[in-house]
Amino acid sequence: MAATEQNSLEKGTPEASIGEPEKQQDPSGGDGAALEANVTRRSSIVEYSVFSKAQKRYVVFTASWAGFFSPLSSQIYFPALNTLAQDLNVSLSLINLTLTSYMIFQGLSPMFIGDFADKGGRRPAYLICFIIYIGANVGLALQNNYAALFVLRCMQSAGSSTTIALASGVVADVATPAQRGSYMGFVTAGSLMGPSLGPVIGGLLSQYLGWRAIFWFLVILSAAFLVPFLIFFPETARRVVGNGSIPPQKWNMSLISYLKARKAAQEGNAVDVPQNAPSRKVGFPNPLKTLSIVFQKDTSILLFSNAIMFAGFYDIAASIPSIFPSLYGLNDLQVGLCYLPLGVGSTIASIINGKFLDYNYRRIAKRLDFPLVKSRNTDLKDFPIEKARLEIAFPLILISSCSVIAFGWCLNYRTHIAAPSIIMFFLGLSLTGSFNTVSTLLVDIYPNAAAAATASNNFVRCLLGAGATAVLVPMLDAMGRGWCFTFIAFVMMLFTIPLLLAVIRFGPRWREERRAKREASNVEKS
């Protein structure tokens, strides 16, 4: 297909019916051989996704809303830490352990649910997560001792944290690589609203209604999500519904889809599942799938680089409740408001960076004459996807590292609160752009196991983030605020930039070696 034809297809809407031949007339008045060959080629193209533009927007919006619960549940808790310690008669150090345990389960639980979602479907995975999550929040609102708080916070994390991995899986289901940056940006925007809105909501509820109101609020909000999800959200997992043209199992249908299917069956128009439909064996979740991704050459470097940046981000967020009240005399609500610049910057970055990722992909594809057709057979074997994604990350890493240094020295010299607040906006803008870049690349490398790949990302970054949070206070005591955050910034720069350059240089070769090995294994099995 000519490059101009490909570009014209790409500029159309994602739902353009590129699987149907265009009705054209041969200039001579007949159907020429060249025109017939062109029609045949266009007819052989199978759309990547049959979902309409409105359906894609809905599933991405729902996935983004679901991803909002994990960071919200973590951050909404911050303003109430001191109050909880007083009411439960425990030290602040023990309360801080619930933050660490939350992050540990945030890394572990997606290893199980992510693989299950890739094989069994997104809808059942979401349902399991929210049933656990709602039950944990009810328990947290009713508990009266530290042991119950600790255990139920782990359950709360297990229920909510997988939603971010599932959101990446949904994007991989409906979006081609050329569109994936923008869709990942919108999904990430939802999850990054948590750090900005969570502390504000938590501060308001803790200040005026008490800390128990925080967990009742989460129960109400999650129930408000679950009802429309059950009614409208379609199954998107490609191993279950292909490109969306294969109906899922009846128990896995949304209420709307089930009613339509029943009406069609009554009228004798039921859609049969084709013989070549994907395997629908659910099986027991296999966390080894996630671990196998962690230990691949290119993904291990990506995950470690991303985890270092995430640790720096979480150190900034975790330092606010301990430093700002003593430095500026803030109450719970005011501490929560301090997170707004960080969250606003993060939300803006996720959307803008997604557009830049798509632009850079198209720019390199055009230069290499790489097809941008929206077919389900899009193959990145001969495309430098690592370069297309990671080129965006380097200026963001430099900006974020400089911002971390400036943040530390502003606190060290006790500047006006406006200074660290402005810096936090740029931290959210730059660090979030870096996260989104790496997350999109992981989905590109593992499009058929996107949830498991994102789960591996959560596993590494949450464990490293938990460790970084645990050593933050001793570092601040030993080094002071200025030098502590300067050290964190230099670690970010010295590790991430060389490692990401190595992925650009060697990543395509490692990816091809893995593909050849997988194909050889499939030949042996057959």
Protein backbone atom coordinates (compact mmCIF):
# COMPACT_ATOMS: atom_id res chain seq x y z
CA MET A 1 0.00 0.00 0.00
CA ALA A 2 1.39 3.42 -0.86
CA ALA A 3 2.55 5.72 1.89
CA THR A 4 0.01 8.39 0.90
CA GLU A 5 -2.79 5.86 1.14
CA GLN A 6 -1.63 4.84 4.59
CA ASN A 7 -1.49 8.43 5.75
CA SER A 8 -5.01 9.09 4.49
CA LEU A 9 -6.24 6.08 6.42
CA GLU A 10 -4.46 7.20 9.55
CA LYS A 11 -5.98 10.68 9.39
CA GLY A 12 -9.46 9.24 9.39
CA THR A 13 -11.37 8.49 12.52
CA PRO A 14 -10.33 5.40 14.51
CA GLU A 15 -13.61 3.83 13.56
CA ALA A 16 -13.21 4.30 9.80
CA SER A 17 -14.29 1.12 8.10
CA ILE A 18 -10.92 0.30 6.60
CA GLY A 19 -11.88 -3.31 6.28
CA GLU A 20 -14.34 -2.47 3.50
CA PRO A 21 -13.22 -1.63 -0.05
CA GLU A 22 -13.89 1.85 -1.33
CA LYS A 23 -16.26 2.10 -4.26
CA GLN A 24 -14.12 3.68 -6.96
CA GLN A 25 -14.35 3.76 -10.73
CA ASP A 26 -11.47 3.04 -13.03
CA PRO A 27 -10.60 6.11 -15.12
CA SER A 28 -11.12 4.10 -18.29
CA GLY A 29 -14.68 3.34 -17.27
CA GLY A 30 -14.10 -0.29 -16.26
CA ASP A 31 -12.71 -2.13 -13.26
CA GLY A 32 -8.98 -2.18 -13.91
CA ALA A 33 -6.62 -4.84 -12.56
CA ALA A 34 -4.75 -2.31 -10.43
CA LEU A 35 -7.98 -1.10 -8.85
CA GLU A 36 -9.06 -4.68 -8.18
CA ALA A 37 -5.73 -5.47 -6.52
CA ASN A 38 -6.04 -2.34 -4.40
CA VAL A 39 -9.56 -3.31 -3.30
CA THR A 40 -8.35 -6.81 -2.42
CA ARG A 41 -5.56 -5.45 -0.27
CA ARG A 42 -7.92 -3.08 1.54
CA SER A 43 -10.47 -5.85 2.08
CA SER A 44 -7.87 -8.06 3.75
CA ILE A 45 -7.21 -5.48 6.46
CA VAL A 46 -8.94 -6.33 9.72
CA GLU A 47 -9.69 -3.45 12.07
CA TYR A 48 -7.75 -3.43 15.31
CA SER A 49 -10.96 -2.73 17.23
CA VAL A 50 -14.60 -2.67 16.14
CA PHE A 51 -15.65 -0.50 19.06
CA SER A 52 -17.02 2.86 17.98
CA LYS A 53 -15.35 6.13 18.90
CA ALA A 54 -17.93 6.74 21.61
CA GLN A 55 -17.44 3.23 23.02
CA LYS A 56 -13.66 3.67 23.11
CA ARG A 57 -14.03 6.96 24.93
CA TYR A 58 -16.41 5.38 27.42
CA VAL A 59 -14.19 2.36 28.20
CA VAL A 60 -11.11 4.58 28.55
CA PHE A 61 -13.02 7.01 30.80
CA THR A 62 -14.25 4.10 32.95
CA ALA A 63 -10.76 2.60 33.15
CA SER A 64 -9.39 6.00 34.13
CA TRP A 65 -12.06 6.37 36.84
CA ALA A 66 -11.26 2.90 38.18
CA GLY A 67 -7.54 3.76 38.25
CA PHE A 68 -8.38 6.81 40.36
CA PHE A 69 -9.20 4.65 43.41
CA SER A 70 -5.70 3.31 44.13
CA PRO A 71 -3.82 6.62 44.54
CA LEU A 72 -6.94 8.20 46.07
CA SER A 73 -7.07 5.54 48.79
CA SER A 74 -3.38 6.02 49.49
CA GLN A 75 -3.33 9.83 49.53
CA ILE A 76 -6.71 10.48 51.20
CA TYR A 77 -5.22 8.85 54.28
CA PHE A 78 -2.31 11.29 54.73
CA PRO A 79 -4.09 14.21 56.49
CA ALA A 80 -5.61 11.85 59.08
CA LEU A 81 -2.36 10.17 60.19
CA ASN A 82 -1.93 12.21 63.35
CA THR A 83 -5.61 11.89 64.31
CA LEU A 84 -5.56 8.12 63.78
CA ALA A 85 -2.45 7.73 65.93
CA GLN A 86 -4.17 9.60 68.78
CA ASP A 87 -7.50 7.76 68.54
CA LEU A 88 -5.92 4.29 68.35
CA ASN A 89 -3.28 5.11 71.01
CA VAL A 90 -0.31 4.11 68.85
CA SER A 91 2.82 5.93 67.74
CA LEU A 92 3.07 7.79 64.44
CA SER A 93 5.80 5.32 63.40
CA LEU A 94 3.31 2.43 63.62
CA ILE A 95 0.74 4.40 61.63
CA ASN A 96 3.43 5.06 59.00
CA LEU A 97 3.89 1.29 58.70
CA THR A 98 0.38 1.13 57.22
CA LEU A 99 1.68 3.36 54.40
CA THR A 100 4.55 0.97 53.73
CA SER A 101 2.31 -2.13 53.86
CA TYR A 102 -0.15 -0.42 51.49
CA MET A 103 2.62 0.10 48.94
CA ILE A 104 3.89 -3.47 49.30
CA PHE A 105 0.46 -4.90 48.51
CA GLN A 106 0.14 -2.28 45.78
CA GLY A 107 3.06 -4.03 44.13
CA LEU A 108 2.14 -7.65 44.89
CA SER A 109 -1.59 -7.94 44.18
CA PRO A 110 -1.48 -6.91 40.48
CA MET A 111 0.85 -9.86 39.86
CA PHE A 112 -2.12 -12.19 40.38
CA ILE A 113 -5.05 -10.19 39.01
CA GLY A 114 -3.11 -8.83 36.01
CA ASP A 115 -2.49 -12.28 34.54
CA PHE A 116 -6.07 -13.31 35.34
CA ALA A 117 -7.40 -10.24 33.49
CA ASP A 118 -5.29 -10.94 30.41
CA LYS A 119 -6.62 -14.51 30.21
CA GLY A 120 -10.13 -14.35 31.68
CA GLY A 121 -11.26 -10.83 30.89
CA ARG A 122 -11.27 -7.29 32.26
CA ARG A 123 -14.82 -7.31 33.64
CA PRO A 124 -14.43 -10.24 36.09
CA ALA A 125 -11.08 -8.84 37.23
CA TYR A 126 -12.63 -5.44 37.95
CA LEU A 127 -15.52 -7.07 39.84
CA ILE A 128 -13.19 -9.09 42.08
CA CYS A 129 -11.12 -5.99 42.83
CA PHE A 130 -14.07 -3.81 43.78
CA ILE A 131 -15.76 -6.45 45.92
CA ILE A 132 -12.54 -6.75 47.96
CA TYR A 133 -12.13 -2.97 48.02
CA ILE A 134 -15.65 -2.16 49.21
CA GLY A 135 -15.48 -4.85 51.92
CA ALA A 136 -12.13 -3.50 53.16
CA ASN A 137 -13.45 0.06 53.36
CA VAL A 138 -16.51 -1.00 55.35
CA GLY A 139 -14.19 -2.81 57.77
CA LEU A 140 -11.87 0.19 58.04
CA ALA A 141 -14.77 2.48 58.88
CA LEU A 142 -15.91 0.14 61.69
CA GLN A 143 -12.58 -1.02 63.20
CA ASN A 144 -11.26 0.20 66.56
CA ASN A 145 -7.72 -1.19 66.88
CA TYR A 146 -4.39 -0.99 65.12
CA ALA A 147 -4.19 -4.66 64.07
CA ALA A 148 -7.49 -4.40 62.18
CA LEU A 149 -6.36 -1.12 60.62
CA PHE A 150 -3.13 -2.73 59.39
CA VAL A 151 -4.77 -5.85 57.90
CA LEU A 152 -7.67 -3.99 56.30
CA ARG A 153 -5.36 -1.40 54.74
CA CYS A 154 -3.54 -4.31 53.06
CA MET A 155 -6.88 -5.61 51.76
CA GLN A 156 -7.85 -2.14 50.60
CA SER A 157 -4.59 -1.90 48.67
CA ALA A 158 -5.05 -5.37 47.16
CA GLY A 159 -8.51 -4.42 45.92
CA SER A 160 -7.70 -1.03 44.43
CA SER A 161 -4.12 -1.24 43.18
CA THR A 162 -4.78 -3.63 40.29
CA THR A 163 -7.10 -1.13 38.61
CA ILE A 164 -4.11 0.75 37.18
CA ALA A 165 -2.78 -2.41 35.52
CA LEU A 166 -6.25 -3.21 34.21
CA ALA A 167 -6.52 0.29 32.72
CA SER A 168 -3.35 -0.29 30.69
CA GLY A 169 -4.80 -3.59 29.51
CA VAL A 170 -7.99 -1.86 28.35
CA VAL A 171 -5.94 0.66 26.34
CA ALA A 172 -3.97 -2.16 24.69
CA ASP A 173 -7.29 -3.83 23.81
CA VAL A 174 -8.76 -0.88 21.90
CA ALA A 175 -5.86 1.35 20.74
CA THR A 176 -3.16 0.80 18.10
CA PRO A 177 0.45 1.88 18.81
CA ALA A 178 -0.12 5.07 16.82
CA GLN A 179 -3.01 6.05 19.13
CA ARG A 180 -1.75 4.53 22.36
CA GLY A 181 0.11 7.53 23.76
CA SER A 182 -3.01 9.70 23.90
CA TYR A 183 -5.18 6.96 25.35
CA MET A 184 -2.55 6.11 27.97
CA GLY A 185 -2.38 9.79 28.80
CA PHE A 186 -6.11 9.97 29.54
CA VAL A 187 -5.96 6.78 31.62
CA THR A 188 -2.97 8.07 33.56
CA ALA A 189 -4.73 11.39 34.14
CA GLY A 190 -7.39 9.60 36.16
CA SER A 191 -4.92 7.77 38.34
CA LEU A 192 -2.92 10.95 38.92
CA MET A 193 -5.89 12.96 40.11
CA GLY A 194 -5.63 10.93 43.33
CA PRO A 195 -2.50 12.71 44.62
CA SER A 196 -4.18 16.10 44.13
CA LEU A 197 -7.77 15.44 45.22
CA GLY A 198 -7.13 12.70 47.80
CA PRO A 199 -5.43 14.83 50.46
CA VAL A 200 -7.95 17.65 50.01
CA ILE A 201 -10.92 15.31 50.43
CA GLY A 202 -9.20 13.54 53.32
CA GLY A 203 -8.39 16.81 55.01
CA LEU A 204 -11.99 18.05 54.74
CA LEU A 205 -13.50 14.79 56.02
CA SER A 206 -10.96 14.36 58.82
CA GLN A 207 -11.25 17.97 59.94
CA TYR A 208 -15.05 18.14 60.09
CA LEU A 209 -16.46 14.58 60.23
CA GLY A 210 -13.63 12.47 61.66
CA TRP A 211 -11.35 9.88 60.06
CA ARG A 212 -14.10 7.21 59.77
CA ALA A 213 -15.90 9.42 57.25
CA ILE A 214 -12.94 8.93 54.90
CA PHE A 215 -13.66 5.23 54.51
CA TRP A 216 -17.45 5.67 54.26
CA PHE A 217 -16.81 8.16 51.49
CA LEU A 218 -14.73 5.55 49.63
CA VAL A 219 -17.52 2.98 50.03
CA ILE A 220 -20.07 5.38 48.49
CA LEU A 221 -17.74 6.44 45.66
CA SER A 222 -16.79 2.86 44.71
CA ALA A 223 -20.47 1.79 44.72
CA ALA A 224 -21.23 4.74 42.43
CA PHE A 225 -18.59 3.38 40.06
CA LEU A 226 -19.69 -0.25 40.21
CA VAL A 227 -23.37 0.27 39.29
CA PRO A 228 -22.82 1.86 35.83
CA PHE A 229 -19.88 -0.50 35.27
CA LEU A 230 -22.15 -3.53 35.62
CA ILE A 231 -24.73 -2.01 33.30
CA PHE A 232 -22.62 -0.58 30.49
CA PHE A 233 -18.94 -1.64 30.48
CA PRO A 234 -18.22 -4.17 27.68
CA GLU A 235 -15.61 -6.91 27.82
CA THR A 236 -12.53 -5.77 25.87
CA ALA A 237 -9.86 -8.43 26.54
CA ARG A 238 -8.55 -9.59 23.18
CA ARG A 239 -8.15 -13.18 24.36
CA VAL A 240 -11.90 -13.22 25.06
CA VAL A 241 -13.54 -11.02 22.40
CA GLY A 242 -10.77 -10.59 19.82
CA ASN A 243 -11.11 -7.12 18.31
CA GLY A 244 -14.57 -6.84 19.88
CA SER A 245 -16.41 -8.73 17.15
CA ILE A 246 -16.69 -11.98 19.16
CA PRO A 247 -19.36 -12.00 21.90
CA PRO A 248 -18.12 -12.85 25.42
CA GLN A 249 -19.60 -15.55 27.63
CA LYS A 250 -23.08 -14.70 28.94
CA TRP A 251 -21.83 -14.37 32.53
CA ASN A 252 -19.22 -11.89 31.31
CA MET A 253 -21.61 -9.54 29.49
CA SER A 254 -22.71 -6.12 30.64
CA LEU A 255 -26.41 -5.84 31.39
CA ILE A 256 -26.97 -3.88 28.16
CA SER A 257 -25.06 -6.44 26.08
CA TYR A 258 -26.92 -9.33 27.71
CA LEU A 259 -30.33 -7.80 26.98
CA LYS A 260 -29.33 -7.14 23.36
CA ALA A 261 -28.02 -10.70 22.96
CA ARG A 262 -31.21 -12.16 24.46
CA LYS A 263 -33.38 -10.05 22.17
CA ALA A 264 -31.32 -11.12 19.16
CA ALA A 265 -31.65 -14.79 20.18
CA GLN A 266 -35.42 -14.45 20.47
CA GLU A 267 -35.54 -12.97 16.98
CA GLY A 268 -33.29 -15.72 15.61
CA ASN A 269 -30.34 -13.37 15.00
CA ALA A 270 -27.96 -14.68 17.66
CA VAL A 271 -24.25 -14.28 16.92
CA ASP A 272 -22.36 -17.58 17.01
CA VAL A 273 -18.85 -17.78 18.43
CA PRO A 274 -16.53 -18.63 15.51
CA GLN A 275 -14.36 -21.73 15.61
CA ASN A 276 -11.17 -19.66 15.55
CA ALA A 277 -12.22 -17.60 18.57
CA PRO A 278 -9.56 -16.99 21.24
CA SER A 279 -9.16 -19.55 24.03
CA ARG A 280 -11.30 -18.68 27.05
CA LYS A 281 -9.63 -20.83 29.67
CA VAL A 282 -9.40 -18.69 32.77
CA GLY A 283 -7.34 -20.87 35.09
CA PHE A 284 -5.62 -19.86 38.30
CA PRO A 285 -3.70 -16.55 38.14
CA ASN A 286 -0.01 -17.11 37.54
CA PRO A 287 2.24 -14.48 39.19
CA LEU A 288 5.25 -16.05 37.47
CA LYS A 289 4.08 -14.41 34.23
CA THR A 290 4.65 -11.02 35.82
CA LEU A 291 7.99 -12.07 37.29
CA SER A 292 9.13 -13.35 33.91
CA ILE A 293 8.52 -9.86 32.50
CA VAL A 294 10.46 -8.30 35.38
CA PHE A 295 13.58 -10.30 34.53
CA GLN A 296 13.69 -9.62 30.78
CA LYS A 297 16.72 -7.56 29.74
CA ASP A 298 14.95 -4.49 28.37
CA THR A 299 11.96 -4.48 30.70
CA SER A 300 14.11 -4.93 33.82
CA ILE A 301 16.02 -1.76 32.92
CA LEU A 302 12.80 0.11 32.14
CA LEU A 303 11.16 -1.00 35.38
CA PHE A 304 14.17 -0.09 37.51
CA SER A 305 14.46 3.35 35.87
CA ASN A 306 10.77 4.02 36.36
CA ALA A 307 10.95 2.83 39.97
CA ILE A 308 13.74 5.30 40.76
CA MET A 309 11.68 8.18 39.39
CA PHE A 310 8.61 6.95 41.26
CA ALA A 311 10.59 6.73 44.51
CA GLY A 312 11.61 10.37 44.09
CA PHE A 313 7.99 11.34 43.45
CA TYR A 314 6.75 9.45 46.49
CA ASP A 315 9.50 10.91 48.71
CA ILE A 316 8.23 14.38 47.82
CA ALA A 317 4.62 13.40 48.58
CA ALA A 318 5.50 11.59 51.83
CA SER A 319 7.61 14.50 53.12
CA ILE A 320 4.75 17.01 53.02
CA PRO A 321 2.74 15.78 56.09
CA SER A 322 5.87 15.70 58.27
CA ILE A 323 7.61 18.90 57.09
CA PHE A 324 4.90 21.40 56.14
CA PRO A 325 2.93 21.45 59.45
CA SER A 326 6.07 22.16 61.49
CA LEU A 327 7.49 24.59 58.92
CA TYR A 328 4.31 26.54 58.08
CA GLY A 329 1.92 25.65 60.96
CA LEU A 330 -0.73 23.96 58.79
CA ASN A 331 -3.76 21.90 59.89
CA ASP A 332 -5.06 18.72 58.22
CA LEU A 333 -7.09 20.55 55.56
CA GLN A 334 -4.28 22.95 54.70
CA VAL A 335 -1.82 20.07 54.36
CA GLY A 336 -4.24 18.44 51.94
CA LEU A 337 -4.45 21.61 49.86
CA CYS A 338 -0.66 21.58 49.49
CA TYR A 339 -0.95 18.53 47.23
CA LEU A 340 -3.05 20.38 44.65
CA PRO A 341 -0.10 21.81 42.62
CA LEU A 342 1.50 18.36 42.44
CA GLY A 343 -1.72 16.74 41.26
CA VAL A 344 -2.66 19.48 38.79
CA GLY A 345 0.78 19.28 37.18
CA SER A 346 0.52 15.50 37.02
CA THR A 347 -2.91 15.57 35.37
CA ILE A 348 -1.88 18.14 32.76
CA ALA A 349 1.33 16.23 32.01
CA SER A 350 -0.42 12.92 31.42
CA ILE A 351 -2.65 14.43 28.71
CA ILE A 352 -0.04 16.62 26.99
CA ASN A 353 2.67 13.96 27.11
CA GLY A 354 0.33 11.43 25.50
CA LYS A 355 -0.11 13.78 22.54
CA PHE A 356 3.67 14.19 22.25
CA LEU A 357 4.14 10.40 22.33
CA ASP A 358 1.70 9.96 19.45
CA TYR A 359 3.34 12.79 17.52
CA ASN A 360 6.82 11.33 17.94
CA TYR A 361 5.60 7.87 16.90
CA ARG A 362 4.04 9.26 13.72
CA ARG A 363 7.12 11.40 12.98
CA ILE A 364 9.51 8.45 13.14
CA ALA A 365 7.07 6.17 11.30
CA LYS A 366 6.78 8.70 8.47
CA ARG A 367 10.56 9.03 8.26
CA LEU A 368 10.99 5.25 8.07
CA ASP A 369 7.95 4.78 5.76
CA PHE A 370 6.43 2.55 8.42
CA PRO A 371 2.68 1.86 7.93
CA LEU A 372 0.19 3.54 10.25
CA VAL A 373 -2.79 1.41 9.20
CA LYS A 374 -5.16 0.66 12.08
CA SER A 375 -5.20 -3.10 11.57
CA ARG A 376 -4.93 -5.71 14.27
CA ASN A 377 -1.80 -7.01 12.53
CA THR A 378 0.30 -3.96 13.42
CA ASP A 379 3.79 -5.40 13.95
CA LEU A 380 6.53 -3.38 15.64
CA LYS A 381 9.26 -5.88 14.76
CA ASP A 382 11.06 -3.50 12.41
CA PHE A 383 10.14 -0.28 14.20
CA PRO A 384 12.34 1.45 16.88
CA ILE A 385 9.50 1.84 19.36
CA GLU A 386 12.00 2.34 22.21
CA LYS A 387 13.39 5.45 20.53
CA ALA A 388 9.95 6.76 19.59
CA ARG A 389 8.82 6.66 23.21
CA LEU A 390 11.93 7.37 25.30
CA GLU A 391 13.14 10.44 23.37
CA ILE A 392 10.38 12.33 25.16
CA ALA A 393 11.62 11.24 28.61
CA PHE A 394 15.12 12.78 28.75
CA PRO A 395 14.22 16.49 29.02
CA LEU A 396 11.52 15.59 31.54
CA ILE A 397 14.02 13.74 33.74
CA LEU A 398 16.41 16.71 33.72
CA ILE A 399 13.61 19.16 34.61
CA SER A 400 12.30 16.91 37.40
CA SER A 401 15.77 16.41 38.91
CA CYS A 402 16.41 20.16 38.99
CA SER A 403 12.96 20.68 40.54
CA VAL A 404 13.69 18.17 43.31
CA ILE A 405 16.90 20.04 44.18
CA ALA A 406 15.06 23.37 44.23
CA PHE A 407 12.29 21.88 46.40
CA GLY A 408 14.79 20.67 49.00
CA TRP A 409 16.67 23.94 49.31
CA CYS A 410 13.45 25.99 49.48
CA LEU A 411 12.44 23.92 52.50
CA ASN A 412 15.96 24.15 53.92
CA TYR A 413 15.91 27.97 53.83
CA ARG A 414 12.26 28.17 54.97
CA THR A 415 11.09 30.20 51.97
CA HIS A 416 7.49 31.30 51.58
CA ILE A 417 5.12 28.38 50.97
CA ALA A 418 4.45 29.69 47.45
CA ALA A 419 7.96 28.66 46.34
CA PRO A 420 7.73 24.89 47.09
CA SER A 421 4.12 24.90 45.84
CA ILE A 422 5.15 26.23 42.41
CA ILE A 423 8.03 23.76 42.28
CA MET A 424 5.66 20.89 43.07
CA PHE A 425 3.59 21.83 40.02
CA PHE A 426 6.65 21.42 37.79
CA LEU A 427 7.56 18.21 39.61
CA GLY A 428 4.16 16.77 38.81
CA LEU A 429 4.46 17.97 35.21
CA SER A 430 7.89 16.44 34.56
CA LEU A 431 7.90 13.29 36.69
CA THR A 432 4.47 12.22 35.52
CA GLY A 433 5.50 12.67 31.90
CA SER A 434 8.41 10.32 32.55
CA PHE A 435 6.14 7.69 34.17
CA ASN A 436 3.67 7.87 31.30
CA THR A 437 6.43 7.44 28.70
CA VAL A 438 7.75 4.24 30.26
CA SER A 439 4.25 2.87 30.94
CA THR A 440 3.27 3.36 27.29
CA LEU A 441 6.44 1.63 26.09
CA LEU A 442 5.72 -1.38 28.33
CA VAL A 443 2.26 -1.74 26.76
CA ASP A 444 3.85 -1.48 23.29
CA ILE A 445 6.32 -4.26 24.09
CA TYR A 446 3.66 -6.54 25.65
CA PRO A 447 0.36 -5.65 23.89
CA ASN A 448 -1.11 -9.11 24.52
CA ALA A 449 -0.16 -9.09 28.22
CA ALA A 450 -0.53 -5.40 28.99
CA ALA A 451 -2.09 -5.91 32.43
CA ALA A 452 0.70 -8.30 33.47
CA ALA A 453 3.34 -5.88 32.13
CA THR A 454 1.83 -2.97 34.08
CA ALA A 455 1.60 -5.23 37.13
CA SER A 456 5.34 -5.84 36.86
CA ASN A 457 5.79 -2.06 36.76
CA ASN A 458 3.71 -1.67 39.93
CA PHE A 459 5.61 -4.50 41.61
CA VAL A 460 9.05 -2.96 41.12
CA ARG A 461 8.20 0.69 41.67
CA CYS A 462 5.99 0.13 44.72
CA LEU A 463 8.57 -2.03 46.48
CA LEU A 464 11.32 0.49 45.77
CA GLY A 465 8.97 3.33 46.71
CA ALA A 466 8.18 1.64 50.02
CA GLY A 467 11.89 1.33 50.76
CA ALA A 468 12.53 4.94 49.80
CA THR A 469 9.72 6.12 52.09
CA ALA A 470 11.09 4.05 54.98
CA VAL A 471 14.54 5.69 54.77
CA LEU A 472 13.31 9.24 54.04
CA VAL A 473 13.04 10.41 57.65
CA PRO A 474 16.51 9.07 58.67
CA MET A 475 17.98 10.73 55.56
CA LEU A 476 16.33 14.05 56.39
CA ASP A 477 17.63 13.84 59.97
CA ALA A 478 21.18 12.95 58.89
CA MET A 479 21.61 15.14 55.79
CA GLY A 480 19.15 17.99 56.21
CA ARG A 481 16.42 18.91 53.75
CA GLY A 482 18.58 20.53 51.10
CA TRP A 483 21.23 17.83 50.75
CA CYS A 484 18.71 15.00 51.18
CA PHE A 485 16.66 16.06 48.15
CA THR A 486 19.84 16.94 46.22
CA PHE A 487 21.02 13.36 46.74
CA ILE A 488 17.64 12.02 45.55
CA ALA A 489 17.85 14.19 42.40
CA PHE A 490 21.36 13.00 41.51
CA VAL A 491 20.32 9.38 41.98
CA MET A 492 17.44 10.00 39.55
CA MET A 493 19.70 11.55 36.92
CA LEU A 494 22.71 9.25 37.21
CA PHE A 495 20.68 6.04 37.03
CA THR A 496 17.75 6.72 34.73
CA ILE A 497 19.38 8.59 31.82
CA PRO A 498 22.18 6.04 31.08
CA LEU A 499 19.79 3.11 31.55
CA LEU A 500 17.19 4.52 29.16
CA LEU A 501 19.90 5.26 26.60
CA ALA A 502 20.91 1.59 26.84
CA VAL A 503 17.30 0.55 26.12
CA ILE A 504 17.21 2.75 23.00
CA ARG A 505 20.53 1.27 21.82
CA PHE A 506 20.01 -2.42 22.60
CA GLY A 507 16.24 -2.72 23.14
CA PRO A 508 15.27 -3.58 19.53
CA ARG A 509 17.84 -6.39 19.45
CA TRP A 510 16.68 -7.82 22.78
CA ARG A 511 13.06 -7.59 21.67
CA GLU A 512 13.83 -9.44 18.45
CA GLU A 513 15.73 -12.15 20.35
CA ARG A 514 12.72 -12.66 22.62
CA ARG A 515 10.35 -12.83 19.62
CA ALA A 516 12.54 -15.40 17.83
CA LYS A 517 12.78 -17.49 20.97
CA ARG A 518 9.00 -17.40 21.44
CA GLU A 519 8.36 -18.42 17.82
CA ALA A 520 10.85 -21.30 18.09
CA SER A 521 9.07 -22.47 21.25
CA ASN A 522 5.70 -22.37 19.48
CA VAL A 523 7.09 -24.43 16.58
CA GLU A 524 8.38 -27.07 19.00
CA LYS A 525 5.00 -27.29 20.75
CA SER A 526 3.14 -27.71 17.47
